[in-house]
Protein backbone atom coordinates (compact mmCIF):
# COMPACT_ATOMS: atom_id res chain seq x y z
CA UNK A 1 110.73 98.23 104.73
CA UNK A 2 106.90 97.96 104.30
CA UNK A 3 104.15 99.15 106.43
CA UNK A 4 101.24 97.52 106.68
CA UNK A 5 97.67 98.70 108.14
CA UNK A 6 94.63 96.37 108.31
CA UNK A 7 91.06 97.49 108.38
CA UNK A 8 87.62 95.70 108.44
CA UNK A 9 87.44 94.24 111.69
CA UNK A 10 84.42 94.10 114.32
CA UNK A 11 81.50 92.56 115.68
CA UNK A 12 79.41 89.93 113.85
CA UNK A 13 77.10 87.49 114.70
CA UNK A 14 77.56 83.28 114.13
CA UNK A 15 76.83 83.08 110.79
CA UNK A 16 77.86 86.27 109.32
CA UNK A 17 80.70 87.95 106.89
CA UNK A 18 83.34 90.27 107.11
CA UNK A 19 85.94 91.66 104.74
CA UNK A 20 89.28 92.50 105.74
CA UNK A 21 91.81 94.63 104.06
CA UNK A 22 95.22 95.46 104.49
CA UNK A 23 96.96 98.39 103.12
CA UNK A 24 100.35 98.17 102.26
CA UNK A 25 103.15 100.89 101.54
CA UNK A 26 106.95 101.26 100.79
CA UNK A 27 108.85 98.41 99.09
CA UNK A 28 107.30 96.86 96.05
CA UNK A 29 104.20 95.00 97.61
CA UNK A 30 104.30 91.95 94.43
CA UNK A 31 107.64 90.44 95.30
CA UNK A 32 106.12 89.71 98.89
CA UNK A 33 104.04 86.74 100.02
CA UNK A 34 101.19 87.79 101.70
CA UNK A 35 99.22 86.00 104.81
CA UNK A 36 96.48 86.88 107.10
CA UNK A 37 97.60 85.29 110.89
CA UNK A 38 95.29 85.48 113.96
CA UNK A 39 96.02 85.63 117.52
CA UNK A 40 93.21 84.44 120.01
CA UNK A 41 93.65 85.36 123.83
CA UNK A 42 95.76 82.38 125.47
CA UNK A 43 96.86 81.05 121.98
CA UNK A 44 99.80 81.04 119.71
CA UNK A 45 99.28 83.26 116.07
CA UNK A 46 98.46 80.79 113.87
CA UNK A 47 98.44 81.23 109.78
CA UNK A 48 95.14 81.56 108.23
CA UNK A 49 95.65 82.06 104.88
CA UNK A 50 98.56 82.70 101.97
CA UNK A 51 99.00 83.98 99.01
CA UNK A 52 101.99 83.83 97.09
CA UNK A 53 103.90 86.49 94.62
CA UNK A 54 101.93 83.63 92.13
CA UNK A 55 98.77 83.88 93.43
CA UNK A 56 98.85 80.36 94.77
CA UNK A 57 96.57 80.31 97.79
CA UNK A 58 96.99 78.11 100.78
CA UNK A 59 94.36 78.17 103.89
CA UNK A 60 94.10 76.43 107.43
CA UNK A 61 92.15 73.88 107.46
CA UNK A 62 89.57 75.51 110.08
CA UNK A 63 88.82 78.09 107.59
CA UNK A 64 89.06 75.79 104.05
CA UNK A 65 85.72 76.76 102.16
CA UNK A 66 84.34 80.01 104.01
CA UNK A 67 87.29 82.39 104.08
CA UNK A 68 88.89 83.70 100.73
CA UNK A 69 92.11 85.20 100.51
CA UNK A 70 93.19 87.31 97.60
CA UNK A 71 95.54 90.15 96.52
CA UNK A 72 95.70 93.59 94.12
CA UNK A 73 99.32 94.08 92.96
CA UNK A 74 98.39 97.14 91.20
CA UNK A 75 96.50 98.32 94.66
CA UNK A 76 99.11 97.24 97.13
CA UNK A 77 96.14 95.99 98.91
CA UNK A 78 95.41 92.40 100.44
CA UNK A 79 91.90 91.24 101.21
CA UNK A 80 90.62 88.24 103.30
CA UNK A 81 86.83 87.54 102.52
CA UNK A 82 85.15 85.62 106.01
CA UNK A 83 82.29 83.99 105.60
CA UNK A 84 80.14 81.56 107.68
CA UNK A 85 81.94 83.43 110.65
CA UNK A 86 82.12 81.03 114.02
CA UNK A 87 83.14 81.98 117.48
CA UNK A 88 86.00 80.12 117.24
CA UNK A 89 87.36 82.75 114.67
CA UNK A 90 87.26 85.14 117.22
CA UNK A 91 90.70 86.95 117.62
CA UNK A 92 93.34 89.30 116.46
CA UNK A 93 93.68 89.48 112.87
CA UNK A 94 97.00 90.55 111.61
CA UNK A 95 98.34 91.12 108.09
CA UNK A 96 101.75 90.00 106.99
CA UNK A 97 104.49 90.17 104.27
CA UNK A 98 107.76 87.86 104.01
CA UNK A 99 110.06 87.43 101.45
CA UNK A 100 112.80 85.20 102.06
CA UNK A 101 115.52 85.00 103.93
CA UNK A 102 114.66 87.57 106.37
CA UNK A 103 112.33 89.93 105.40
CA UNK A 104 108.99 90.00 107.69
CA UNK A 105 106.71 92.53 108.48
CA UNK A 106 103.26 92.82 110.64
CA UNK A 107 100.71 95.29 110.78
CA UNK A 108 98.74 96.39 113.99
CA UNK A 109 96.11 93.84 114.14
CA UNK A 110 92.51 94.25 113.38
CA UNK A 111 90.10 92.44 116.37
CA UNK A 112 87.15 90.29 114.93
CA UNK A 113 84.70 89.14 117.22
CA UNK A 114 81.79 86.55 116.42
CA UNK A 115 79.12 86.65 119.27
CA UNK A 116 75.57 86.37 119.40
């Protein structure tokens, strides 16, 4: 089992920045692919960014150049630095830990609202 706890969400004006954090406990953090997903009201959950065990990152086209994902295996933490935020970034953001074939864990989510 992996327990994931997100923090850092909140209300920010368009163009602003937020930094999300995910603290992991339980099994060895470094063996999991880590990711941030988000779900807006009435929409499906979508991948925002992911980072492999080797540090390879992947981003949704909508956030490329604005968001940065990083992991610290020594501290069991995952972060998402979000800059130049837009109203369409408003969603609940979830931390995810995945390992093939069937290890898939989620945090409880943190709300991000971008509004003036």
